[in-house]
Amino acid sequence: MLVCLIFWLLSYGSAAGAKDTSILYRLGTAIEPVTRFFGLPWQLFIAFIASSVGKEGAVGVISALYAGTSYGEGFMAAMGGAARAANLNELLLSNVTKPEALAFIFAITFNLPCVVALAATYQEIHSVKWTAKIALYYTVGALLLSCIAYHIGLLIW
């Protein structure tokens, strides 16, 4: 529920239905030159970040970002589980290339399992420093593997 609220607040634009005025859109387009190197357009990178909280959140975020509805409505529906759009397949095929999809698969697969697993790690080792190192290791490793997969995918497709 907290993730839903955060993404909804970040996706809320000043004008009704204007996606380009939201904080999430501005942040995403600002970091996109960097995330493109890893093979992730800003929408997939935001889903990658959401997958750190829980892997299941990535599908809802992707559905909401690529759907034609306003972000606020899309996120509320997606995070509530109601946005299992029948046309999600078509949305992804028309907006995401094969190398980007491959990069996203690698990024999601090798990313942090979830924040709860990270919290359990902290409870076991009692060290913020090592917990942060583990989180950084997973995140950097996932992005490096997605970069390699993306650039190999560019050679294949």
N, C-alpha and C. Protein backbone atom coordinates (compact mmCIF):
# COMPACT_ATOMS: atom_id res chain seq x y z
N MET A 1 0.82 -1.19 0.00
CA MET A 1 0.00 0.00 0.00
C MET A 1 0.87 1.26 0.00
N LEU A 2 1.97 1.20 0.74
CA LEU A 2 2.87 2.34 0.79
C LEU A 2 3.51 2.60 -0.57
N VAL A 3 3.90 1.54 -1.26
CA VAL A 3 4.47 1.68 -2.60
C VAL A 3 3.46 2.32 -3.54
N CYS A 4 2.24 1.87 -3.44
CA CYS A 4 1.17 2.43 -4.27
C CYS A 4 1.02 3.92 -4.03
N LEU A 5 1.02 4.31 -2.78
CA LEU A 5 0.89 5.72 -2.44
C LEU A 5 2.06 6.55 -2.95
N ILE A 6 3.27 6.04 -2.79
CA ILE A 6 4.45 6.77 -3.25
C ILE A 6 4.42 6.96 -4.76
N PHE A 7 4.16 5.90 -5.51
CA PHE A 7 4.13 6.02 -6.97
C PHE A 7 2.97 6.89 -7.42
N TRP A 8 1.86 6.82 -6.72
CA TRP A 8 0.73 7.67 -7.10
C TRP A 8 1.07 9.14 -6.89
N LEU A 9 1.71 9.45 -5.77
CA LEU A 9 2.10 10.84 -5.52
C LEU A 9 3.11 11.33 -6.55
N LEU A 10 4.05 10.49 -6.90
CA LEU A 10 5.06 10.88 -7.89
C LEU A 10 4.49 10.98 -9.30
N SER A 11 3.41 10.28 -9.57
CA SER A 11 2.84 10.28 -10.92
C SER A 11 1.73 11.30 -11.09
N TYR A 12 1.41 12.02 -10.05
CA TYR A 12 0.33 12.99 -10.12
C TYR A 12 0.81 14.26 -10.81
N GLY A 13 0.14 14.68 -11.87
CA GLY A 13 0.50 15.89 -12.59
C GLY A 13 -0.37 17.05 -12.16
N SER A 14 0.07 18.24 -12.48
CA SER A 14 -0.68 19.43 -12.10
C SER A 14 -1.97 19.58 -12.91
N ALA A 15 -1.95 19.13 -14.15
CA ALA A 15 -3.16 19.17 -14.98
C ALA A 15 -3.73 17.77 -15.10
N ALA A 16 -5.04 17.67 -15.15
CA ALA A 16 -5.70 16.37 -15.22
C ALA A 16 -5.32 15.66 -16.51
N GLY A 17 -4.77 14.47 -16.38
CA GLY A 17 -4.39 13.68 -17.54
C GLY A 17 -3.08 14.08 -18.19
N ALA A 18 -2.41 15.12 -17.71
CA ALA A 18 -1.15 15.56 -18.30
C ALA A 18 0.00 14.80 -17.66
N LYS A 19 0.48 13.78 -18.35
CA LYS A 19 1.54 12.95 -17.80
C LYS A 19 2.88 13.66 -17.75
N ASP A 20 3.09 14.59 -18.67
CA ASP A 20 4.39 15.23 -18.75
C ASP A 20 4.63 16.28 -17.66
N THR A 21 3.67 16.52 -16.79
CA THR A 21 3.88 17.46 -15.69
C THR A 21 4.15 16.75 -14.37
N SER A 22 4.14 15.43 -14.37
CA SER A 22 4.35 14.70 -13.11
C SER A 22 5.83 14.64 -12.75
N ILE A 23 6.09 14.47 -11.48
CA ILE A 23 7.46 14.34 -10.98
C ILE A 23 8.09 13.07 -11.54
N LEU A 24 7.32 12.01 -11.60
CA LEU A 24 7.83 10.73 -12.09
C LEU A 24 8.28 10.84 -13.55
N TYR A 25 7.50 11.52 -14.37
CA TYR A 25 7.85 11.70 -15.78
C TYR A 25 9.12 12.55 -15.91
N ARG A 26 9.18 13.63 -15.17
CA ARG A 26 10.35 14.52 -15.24
C ARG A 26 11.61 13.82 -14.75
N LEU A 27 11.49 13.09 -13.64
CA LEU A 27 12.62 12.34 -13.12
C LEU A 27 13.05 11.25 -14.11
N GLY A 28 12.07 10.55 -14.65
CA GLY A 28 12.36 9.47 -15.60
C GLY A 28 13.05 9.95 -16.85
N THR A 29 12.56 11.03 -17.43
CA THR A 29 13.18 11.55 -18.64
C THR A 29 14.55 12.17 -18.35
N ALA A 30 14.77 12.65 -17.13
CA ALA A 30 16.07 13.22 -16.78
C ALA A 30 17.13 12.13 -16.65
N ILE A 31 16.76 10.97 -16.11
CA ILE A 31 17.74 9.90 -15.92
C ILE A 31 17.81 8.94 -17.11
N GLU A 32 16.94 9.13 -18.09
CA GLU A 32 16.90 8.18 -19.21
C GLU A 32 18.20 8.08 -20.00
N PRO A 33 18.96 9.15 -20.21
CA PRO A 33 20.23 8.96 -20.92
C PRO A 33 21.16 7.95 -20.23
N VAL A 34 21.13 7.90 -18.93
CA VAL A 34 21.96 6.94 -18.20
C VAL A 34 21.34 5.55 -18.24
N THR A 35 20.04 5.47 -18.03
CA THR A 35 19.39 4.15 -17.99
C THR A 35 19.35 3.49 -19.36
N ARG A 36 19.39 4.26 -20.42
CA ARG A 36 19.42 3.70 -21.79
C ARG A 36 20.70 2.90 -22.02
N PHE A 37 21.80 3.30 -21.38
CA PHE A 37 23.04 2.56 -21.52
C PHE A 37 22.87 1.13 -21.00
N PHE A 38 22.07 0.97 -19.95
CA PHE A 38 21.80 -0.35 -19.38
C PHE A 38 20.70 -1.09 -20.14
N GLY A 39 20.14 -0.44 -21.16
CA GLY A 39 19.10 -1.07 -21.96
C GLY A 39 17.71 -0.86 -21.41
N LEU A 40 17.56 0.06 -20.48
CA LEU A 40 16.27 0.26 -19.85
C LEU A 40 15.75 1.67 -20.13
N PRO A 41 14.64 1.80 -20.88
CA PRO A 41 14.01 3.12 -20.96
C PRO A 41 13.50 3.51 -19.58
N TRP A 42 13.17 4.76 -19.39
CA TRP A 42 12.85 5.22 -18.04
C TRP A 42 11.68 4.48 -17.43
N GLN A 43 10.70 4.06 -18.23
CA GLN A 43 9.55 3.33 -17.69
C GLN A 43 9.99 1.99 -17.09
N LEU A 44 10.86 1.28 -17.81
CA LEU A 44 11.34 0.00 -17.29
C LEU A 44 12.28 0.18 -16.11
N PHE A 45 13.02 1.28 -16.09
CA PHE A 45 13.90 1.54 -14.94
C PHE A 45 13.07 1.82 -13.69
N ILE A 46 11.98 2.55 -13.83
CA ILE A 46 11.09 2.80 -12.69
C ILE A 46 10.50 1.47 -12.20
N ALA A 47 10.15 0.59 -13.14
CA ALA A 47 9.64 -0.74 -12.75
C ALA A 47 10.74 -1.54 -12.06
N PHE A 48 11.99 -1.38 -12.50
CA PHE A 48 13.13 -2.03 -11.86
C PHE A 48 13.26 -1.57 -10.41
N ILE A 49 13.11 -0.28 -10.19
CA ILE A 49 13.17 0.26 -8.82
C ILE A 49 12.01 -0.28 -7.99
N ALA A 50 10.82 -0.33 -8.58
CA ALA A 50 9.66 -0.86 -7.85
C ALA A 50 9.83 -2.34 -7.53
N SER A 51 10.58 -3.07 -8.35
CA SER A 51 10.78 -4.49 -8.08
C SER A 51 11.65 -4.72 -6.86
N SER A 52 12.37 -3.70 -6.42
CA SER A 52 13.16 -3.84 -5.20
C SER A 52 12.27 -3.96 -3.98
N VAL A 53 11.10 -3.37 -4.05
CA VAL A 53 10.15 -3.47 -2.95
C VAL A 53 9.46 -4.83 -2.99
N GLY A 54 9.09 -5.26 -4.17
CA GLY A 54 8.46 -6.56 -4.38
C GLY A 54 8.40 -6.82 -5.87
N LYS A 55 8.80 -8.00 -6.29
CA LYS A 55 8.86 -8.31 -7.73
C LYS A 55 7.51 -8.15 -8.41
N GLU A 56 6.45 -8.45 -7.70
CA GLU A 56 5.12 -8.37 -8.30
C GLU A 56 4.71 -6.94 -8.63
N GLY A 57 5.33 -5.97 -7.99
CA GLY A 57 5.01 -4.57 -8.26
C GLY A 57 5.47 -4.11 -9.63
N ALA A 58 6.46 -4.78 -10.20
CA ALA A 58 7.00 -4.36 -11.50
C ALA A 58 5.96 -4.49 -12.60
N VAL A 59 5.17 -5.54 -12.59
CA VAL A 59 4.16 -5.73 -13.63
C VAL A 59 3.11 -4.64 -13.56
N GLY A 60 2.68 -4.29 -12.38
CA GLY A 60 1.70 -3.23 -12.22
C GLY A 60 2.23 -1.88 -12.66
N VAL A 61 3.50 -1.61 -12.34
CA VAL A 61 4.10 -0.34 -12.73
C VAL A 61 4.24 -0.27 -14.25
N ILE A 62 4.68 -1.35 -14.86
CA ILE A 62 4.79 -1.39 -16.33
C ILE A 62 3.43 -1.17 -16.97
N SER A 63 2.44 -1.85 -16.46
CA SER A 63 1.09 -1.72 -17.00
C SER A 63 0.60 -0.28 -16.89
N ALA A 64 0.85 0.34 -15.76
CA ALA A 64 0.38 1.71 -15.55
C ALA A 64 1.15 2.71 -16.40
N LEU A 65 2.44 2.52 -16.55
CA LEU A 65 3.24 3.49 -17.30
C LEU A 65 3.01 3.41 -18.80
N TYR A 66 2.75 2.22 -19.31
CA TYR A 66 2.55 2.08 -20.75
C TYR A 66 1.09 2.17 -21.16
N ALA A 67 0.16 2.13 -20.20
CA ALA A 67 -1.26 2.25 -20.53
C ALA A 67 -1.59 3.70 -20.87
N GLY A 68 -2.67 3.90 -21.55
CA GLY A 68 -3.04 5.24 -21.98
C GLY A 68 -3.77 6.07 -20.94
N THR A 69 -4.03 5.51 -19.76
CA THR A 69 -4.76 6.26 -18.74
C THR A 69 -3.83 7.21 -18.01
N SER A 70 -4.41 8.07 -17.22
CA SER A 70 -3.56 8.97 -16.43
C SER A 70 -2.81 8.16 -15.40
N TYR A 71 -1.64 8.64 -15.01
CA TYR A 71 -0.80 7.88 -14.09
C TYR A 71 -1.49 7.56 -12.79
N GLY A 72 -2.16 8.52 -12.23
CA GLY A 72 -2.80 8.29 -10.94
C GLY A 72 -3.78 7.14 -10.99
N GLU A 73 -4.65 7.15 -11.98
CA GLU A 73 -5.63 6.08 -12.13
C GLU A 73 -4.93 4.76 -12.44
N GLY A 74 -3.94 4.83 -13.31
CA GLY A 74 -3.23 3.62 -13.70
C GLY A 74 -2.51 2.97 -12.55
N PHE A 75 -1.83 3.77 -11.73
CA PHE A 75 -1.10 3.20 -10.61
C PHE A 75 -2.04 2.63 -9.57
N MET A 76 -3.11 3.33 -9.30
CA MET A 76 -4.05 2.81 -8.30
C MET A 76 -4.62 1.47 -8.75
N ALA A 77 -4.95 1.37 -10.02
CA ALA A 77 -5.49 0.12 -10.55
C ALA A 77 -4.41 -0.95 -10.59
N ALA A 78 -3.21 -0.57 -11.05
CA ALA A 78 -2.13 -1.54 -11.20
C ALA A 78 -1.68 -2.10 -9.87
N MET A 79 -1.47 -1.25 -8.90
CA MET A 79 -0.98 -1.73 -7.62
C MET A 79 -2.07 -2.47 -6.86
N GLY A 80 -3.32 -2.21 -7.19
CA GLY A 80 -4.41 -2.94 -6.58
C GLY A 80 -4.69 -4.27 -7.24
N GLY A 81 -3.99 -4.56 -8.34
CA GLY A 81 -4.15 -5.83 -9.02
C GLY A 81 -5.23 -5.81 -10.09
N ALA A 82 -5.87 -4.67 -10.33
CA ALA A 82 -6.96 -4.61 -11.29
C ALA A 82 -6.49 -4.32 -12.70
N ALA A 83 -5.22 -4.02 -12.89
CA ALA A 83 -4.76 -3.60 -14.21
C ALA A 83 -4.11 -4.72 -14.99
N ARG A 84 -4.58 -5.90 -14.84
CA ARG A 84 -4.07 -6.99 -15.66
C ARG A 84 -4.72 -6.86 -17.03
N ALA A 85 -4.25 -5.85 -17.73
CA ALA A 85 -4.88 -5.49 -19.01
C ALA A 85 -4.67 -6.60 -20.02
N ALA A 86 -5.72 -6.86 -20.77
CA ALA A 86 -5.63 -7.87 -21.82
C ALA A 86 -4.69 -7.42 -22.91
N ASN A 87 -4.52 -6.12 -23.05
CA ASN A 87 -3.67 -5.60 -24.11
C ASN A 87 -2.27 -5.27 -23.62
N LEU A 88 -1.86 -5.73 -22.47
CA LEU A 88 -0.51 -5.46 -21.97
C LEU A 88 0.53 -6.04 -22.93
N ASN A 89 0.25 -7.18 -23.49
CA ASN A 89 1.15 -7.79 -24.45
C ASN A 89 1.37 -6.88 -25.65
N GLU A 90 0.29 -6.32 -26.18
CA GLU A 90 0.41 -5.42 -27.33
C GLU A 90 1.12 -4.13 -26.96
N LEU A 91 0.84 -3.62 -25.77
CA LEU A 91 1.51 -2.40 -25.31
C LEU A 91 3.02 -2.60 -25.24
N LEU A 92 3.44 -3.72 -24.68
CA LEU A 92 4.86 -3.98 -24.54
C LEU A 92 5.51 -4.24 -25.90
N LEU A 93 4.83 -4.98 -26.77
CA LEU A 93 5.40 -5.25 -28.09
C LEU A 93 5.57 -3.99 -28.92
N SER A 94 4.69 -3.02 -28.73
CA SER A 94 4.80 -1.79 -29.51
C SER A 94 5.73 -0.75 -28.88
N ASN A 95 6.08 -0.90 -27.61
CA ASN A 95 6.90 0.11 -26.93
C ASN A 95 8.28 -0.36 -26.49
N VAL A 96 8.48 -1.66 -26.39
CA VAL A 96 9.74 -2.19 -25.87
C VAL A 96 10.38 -3.08 -26.94
N THR A 97 11.65 -2.81 -27.23
CA THR A 97 12.36 -3.63 -28.21
C THR A 97 12.81 -4.95 -27.57
N LYS A 98 13.20 -5.89 -28.40
CA LYS A 98 13.66 -7.19 -27.89
C LYS A 98 14.91 -7.05 -27.01
N PRO A 99 15.92 -6.26 -27.41
CA PRO A 99 17.07 -6.10 -26.52
C PRO A 99 16.71 -5.43 -25.19
N GLU A 100 15.78 -4.47 -25.21
CA GLU A 100 15.34 -3.84 -23.96
C GLU A 100 14.61 -4.84 -23.08
N ALA A 101 13.80 -5.69 -23.68
CA ALA A 101 13.08 -6.72 -22.90
C ALA A 101 14.06 -7.70 -22.27
N LEU A 102 15.08 -8.09 -23.04
CA LEU A 102 16.10 -8.99 -22.51
C LEU A 102 16.85 -8.34 -21.35
N ALA A 103 17.20 -7.07 -21.50
CA ALA A 103 17.89 -6.35 -20.44
C ALA A 103 17.02 -6.26 -19.19
N PHE A 104 15.73 -6.01 -19.37
CA PHE A 104 14.82 -5.92 -18.24
C PHE A 104 14.69 -7.25 -17.51
N ILE A 105 14.64 -8.33 -18.27
CA ILE A 105 14.56 -9.66 -17.65
C ILE A 105 15.78 -9.92 -16.78
N PHE A 106 16.96 -9.57 -17.29
CA PHE A 106 18.17 -9.76 -16.50
C PHE A 106 18.19 -8.84 -15.28
N ALA A 107 17.76 -7.60 -15.46
CA ALA A 107 17.75 -6.65 -14.35
C ALA A 107 16.81 -7.11 -13.23
N ILE A 108 15.63 -7.55 -13.59
CA ILE A 108 14.66 -8.00 -12.59
C ILE A 108 15.12 -9.29 -11.91
N THR A 109 15.65 -10.21 -12.69
CA THR A 109 16.05 -11.50 -12.15
C THR A 109 17.17 -11.38 -11.12
N PHE A 110 18.14 -10.51 -11.39
CA PHE A 110 19.30 -10.41 -10.52
C PHE A 110 19.25 -9.24 -9.55
N ASN A 111 18.13 -8.53 -9.49
CA ASN A 111 17.96 -7.43 -8.55
C ASN A 111 17.71 -7.99 -7.15
N LEU A 112 17.66 -7.09 -6.18
CA LEU A 112 17.32 -7.49 -4.81
C LEU A 112 16.06 -8.34 -4.81
N PRO A 113 16.01 -9.39 -4.00
CA PRO A 113 14.77 -10.17 -3.94
C PRO A 113 13.59 -9.30 -3.51
N CYS A 114 13.75 -8.56 -2.44
CA CYS A 114 12.76 -7.59 -1.98
C CYS A 114 13.32 -6.89 -0.74
N VAL A 115 12.66 -5.84 -0.34
CA VAL A 115 13.11 -5.09 0.82
C VAL A 115 12.99 -5.93 2.10
N VAL A 116 12.01 -6.81 2.14
CA VAL A 116 11.83 -7.66 3.32
C VAL A 116 13.02 -8.60 3.48
N ALA A 117 13.54 -9.13 2.37
CA ALA A 117 14.73 -9.98 2.45
C ALA A 117 15.94 -9.18 2.91
N LEU A 118 16.02 -7.93 2.48
CA LEU A 118 17.10 -7.07 2.92
C LEU A 118 16.99 -6.77 4.42
N ALA A 119 15.77 -6.57 4.89
CA ALA A 119 15.55 -6.34 6.33
C ALA A 119 15.92 -7.59 7.14
N ALA A 120 15.60 -8.76 6.60
CA ALA A 120 15.97 -10.00 7.28
C ALA A 120 17.48 -10.17 7.32
N THR A 121 18.15 -9.75 6.26
CA THR A 121 19.61 -9.79 6.24
C THR A 121 20.18 -8.90 7.33
N TYR A 122 19.62 -7.71 7.46
CA TYR A 122 20.08 -6.80 8.51
C TYR A 122 19.87 -7.42 9.90
N GLN A 123 18.74 -8.05 10.11
CA GLN A 123 18.47 -8.66 11.42
C GLN A 123 19.44 -9.79 11.72
N GLU A 124 19.93 -10.45 10.69
CA GLU A 124 20.86 -11.55 10.91
C GLU A 124 22.30 -11.07 11.14
N ILE A 125 22.72 -10.05 10.39
CA ILE A 125 24.12 -9.64 10.49
C ILE A 125 24.34 -8.40 11.37
N HIS A 126 23.28 -7.68 11.70
CA HIS A 126 23.33 -6.51 12.58
C HIS A 126 24.35 -5.46 12.14
N SER A 127 24.39 -5.21 10.85
CA SER A 127 25.34 -4.22 10.33
C SER A 127 24.70 -3.46 9.17
N VAL A 128 24.53 -2.16 9.35
CA VAL A 128 23.98 -1.33 8.28
C VAL A 128 24.96 -1.28 7.12
N LYS A 129 26.25 -1.23 7.44
CA LYS A 129 27.29 -1.15 6.42
C LYS A 129 27.25 -2.37 5.49
N TRP A 130 27.19 -3.57 6.06
CA TRP A 130 27.18 -4.77 5.23
C TRP A 130 25.85 -4.94 4.51
N THR A 131 24.78 -4.53 5.13
CA THR A 131 23.47 -4.60 4.47
C THR A 131 23.45 -3.67 3.26
N ALA A 132 24.01 -2.48 3.41
CA ALA A 132 24.10 -1.55 2.28
C ALA A 132 25.00 -2.09 1.19
N LYS A 133 26.11 -2.73 1.56
CA LYS A 133 27.00 -3.34 0.57
C LYS A 133 26.29 -4.44 -0.20
N ILE A 134 25.50 -5.24 0.49
CA ILE A 134 24.76 -6.32 -0.17
C ILE A 134 23.74 -5.74 -1.15
N ALA A 135 23.02 -4.71 -0.72
CA ALA A 135 22.03 -4.08 -1.60
C ALA A 135 22.71 -3.46 -2.82
N LEU A 136 23.84 -2.82 -2.60
CA LEU A 136 24.59 -2.22 -3.70
C LEU A 136 25.11 -3.29 -4.65
N TYR A 137 25.59 -4.39 -4.09
CA TYR A 137 26.08 -5.51 -4.90
C TYR A 137 24.99 -6.05 -5.82
N TYR A 138 23.81 -6.29 -5.27
CA TYR A 138 22.70 -6.79 -6.08
C TYR A 138 22.30 -5.79 -7.16
N THR A 139 22.18 -4.52 -6.80
CA THR A 139 21.73 -3.51 -7.75
C THR A 139 22.74 -3.29 -8.86
N VAL A 140 23.99 -3.11 -8.50
CA VAL A 140 25.03 -2.90 -9.51
C VAL A 140 25.20 -4.14 -10.37
N GLY A 141 25.19 -5.29 -9.75
CA GLY A 141 25.30 -6.55 -10.51
C GLY A 141 24.17 -6.72 -11.50
N ALA A 142 22.96 -6.42 -11.07
CA ALA A 142 21.80 -6.54 -11.96
C ALA A 142 21.90 -5.57 -13.13
N LEU A 143 22.33 -4.34 -12.86
CA LEU A 143 22.45 -3.36 -13.93
C LEU A 143 23.59 -3.71 -14.89
N LEU A 144 24.69 -4.23 -14.38
CA LEU A 144 25.78 -4.65 -15.26
C LEU A 144 25.37 -5.82 -16.14
N LEU A 145 24.68 -6.79 -15.57
CA LEU A 145 24.21 -7.92 -16.37
C LEU A 145 23.17 -7.49 -17.40
N SER A 146 22.32 -6.53 -17.03
CA SER A 146 21.33 -6.05 -18.00
C SER A 146 22.03 -5.28 -19.12
N CYS A 147 23.09 -4.57 -18.81
CA CYS A 147 23.86 -3.85 -19.82
C CYS A 147 24.50 -4.83 -20.80
N ILE A 148 25.11 -5.87 -20.28
CA ILE A 148 25.73 -6.88 -21.13
C ILE A 148 24.67 -7.56 -22.00
N ALA A 149 23.56 -7.95 -21.39
CA ALA A 149 22.49 -8.60 -22.15
C ALA A 149 21.93 -7.69 -23.23
N TYR A 150 21.78 -6.41 -22.92
CA TYR A 150 21.25 -5.45 -23.89
C TYR A 150 22.18 -5.31 -25.09
N HIS A 151 23.46 -5.15 -24.82
CA HIS A 151 24.40 -4.94 -25.92
C HIS A 151 24.59 -6.21 -26.75
N ILE A 152 24.51 -7.37 -26.14
CA ILE A 152 24.52 -8.62 -26.90
C ILE A 152 23.23 -8.73 -27.70
N GLY A 153 22.11 -8.35 -27.09
CA GLY A 153 20.83 -8.36 -27.80
C GLY A 153 20.83 -7.45 -29.00
N LEU A 154 21.51 -6.31 -28.90
CA LEU A 154 21.62 -5.41 -30.06
C LEU A 154 22.37 -6.07 -31.20
N LEU A 155 23.34 -6.91 -30.88
CA LEU A 155 24.09 -7.63 -31.91
C LEU A 155 23.23 -8.72 -32.56
N ILE A 156 22.38 -9.33 -31.77
CA ILE A 156 21.54 -10.43 -32.27
C ILE A 156 20.37 -9.90 -33.08
N TRP A 157 19.66 -8.91 -32.54
CA TRP A 157 18.46 -8.41 -33.22
C TRP A 157 18.77 -7.13 -33.95
